Each structure stands twice: as C-alpha cells, then as structure tokens.
Amino acid sequence: MELSIQNISKRYNKEKYGLKDYSLTIKNGILGLLGPNGAGKSTMMKMVATISRPTQGTITLDGHDILQEPDYIRKMLGYLPQDFGVYANLNAYEFLEYIAAMKGVGGPNLKHRIEALLEGVNLIEAAKLPIGTYSGGMKQRIGIAQALLNDPKVLIFDEPTVGLDPEERMRFRNLISDLAQNCIIILSSHIVSDIETIADEVAIMQSGTLITKGTQTDVVKQVEGKVFEILLDSAALPDFKAKYLVVNTSRQQAKTLVRYISGNPANGSAVAAASLEDAYLYLTHNKN
C-alpha cells in the first residue's frame, strides 16, 4: 500500500496555516511523527482520516483520491484521535459492540474479535465495568481497541500512549509492531522513546512544515558528531545553557553532567553517541 500526501496546505486565514505545502509518502510499516505542539501533526492526521479537508493539495491511497472518494479509506481505517471520547455508562463490551455497529463490523466472529482486543490491551478484568469508572489510561486503552476493531489496513494514532504507564506502553508497542508488516501505521507522540522503539521511519514537523523524513539511522546521522557531554560545576550551568543547546543534565556528586549539542564544543567535552531525541531537538531548534 502507498499513501501519498502531495502539496497539502490548511489555511485558516490570510496569515495562519495549519499546514503549508506539505508532502509525504508512506508505505507499509510504522511512521513516527515528531514535532512540538502546533507543528501540524494532528491537522495532517485528521486530513488522512477524512475528518478535515485541506485548502489545497491531494491525498491518495493506492492511486485513489480520498478527498474525492473518502469511503475508500474509511472502510479500512482505524483512528484514535487525541481527544477520544467514550460513553461513560457503557461497559467495554457494549462500547466496542456499538463502535462495531457504527463501522459496519459484525458476523459470528465479532465476540471473539472483541475478546481478543480486550485481552491485547489488558482490559479483560475490567471489561464489564462502566467505562465512566475507568482511569485515564484505561480509557486510552479502550480507544486503542476500538481503532483495531475493523482489522484496518491504515491506522492513525494521535498521542496513543498518553496516560499509559511504562508496562502498558510496552504492550501497545508490541501490539502494533505485529500489525506493521501489512498496514500503514501513522503514530504521533511526544514520547520520543516510543517512536524510537518501533518506528520504521520518522518524520519531524514544525510550524506546519516537514523538516525531515527518513529511517531513524538517516535522521540521527544529521546530528552525529554534534552531541557532547561535559562535567560542570552547578554554578556554571546557567551561563552554559545560554550558549549551548542543552539536552539534559544529571547530578554527578558535586558536579553536573551536561549533555548538549553544538558544532563548536566547549573545552573539556567528550563526544557522545547521538540519539533520535538529540536529532529531534537539534532539528526543531535550528528551525525556530
């Protein structure tokens, strides 16, 4: 399968754009979307899900124009929006049966499908309780389950791991990794480690534009040789932060170990192995 987004713009007024001249091609596998708030990630995913229309540009799936033929993608789409809502008085079984009816999913295997999904998101024990009694993380898991109900070939997850504890995030990553061979999966997250763990490709966005897209290796190469570590007295840290892009700091007894990005490192620095988080911070900082 191939999803092609070509020269998409979303214009709200004369000066404000949600997306501007945005192009991206996605094939089977997991594409991780990274970008700060307001980068346009959700805007782009809503367009692919046919919830919003672009001001200009085209979106095609295997050559079908989904702006003209929205049902072509809808019948094979699973979507978890960032602001996913539930019916508080229904339990998990009832809610998923309702969503299945909305999606036109039925047949003798539906009950088994729902059971398998609830098992997959670790909600079997709570499945007969009203969803209104669920924690935020549990509601997020029921949202993940509903996105998978119709055995979709295009999956869109907007911040799916919000509210999940580390064990549940790992369960989610394992769940969608098993689907990636035969699906297009678009996953946005503020948690870089989630994308670093499972994404086949990464797209970094800022201010409605695409900064870069490629394999994780290709993206990380852009910051190799620019990541350093240095031990500093804590009193020197504010001045250092004013001069360099500091990624993180950690206490080392009486001193502070500083990880930072620079093309011109400070004396006493040691080169560090670059990561996807380093590349993300470097690329979005340089585009400010």
Foldseek 3Di string as FASTA:
>chain_A
DKKWWAQFWADDDPPATLAGGATDMFDFFEEEEDEDPSQNPLVVVCVVLVVDPTPDTFIDDVRHTCVVVVVVQLLQFFEQHPPDDFDQQAFLVVRLVVLCVVSVHDDPCQVVLSVVLCVLQVCVVRRRPGNNVDDPLVVLSSSVSSSPRSVHQEYEYEASCVPPDPVSLVSVLVVVLVVRRRHGYYYYHNPVVSCQVTGQKYWYGGSNYTQDIDGQVVLQVVQAPFKKKAKAQPVCVVVVVVPWAWDDWDDDDRIIITITGDPDDDPRIDGDRTGSSNSNSVRRVVVD
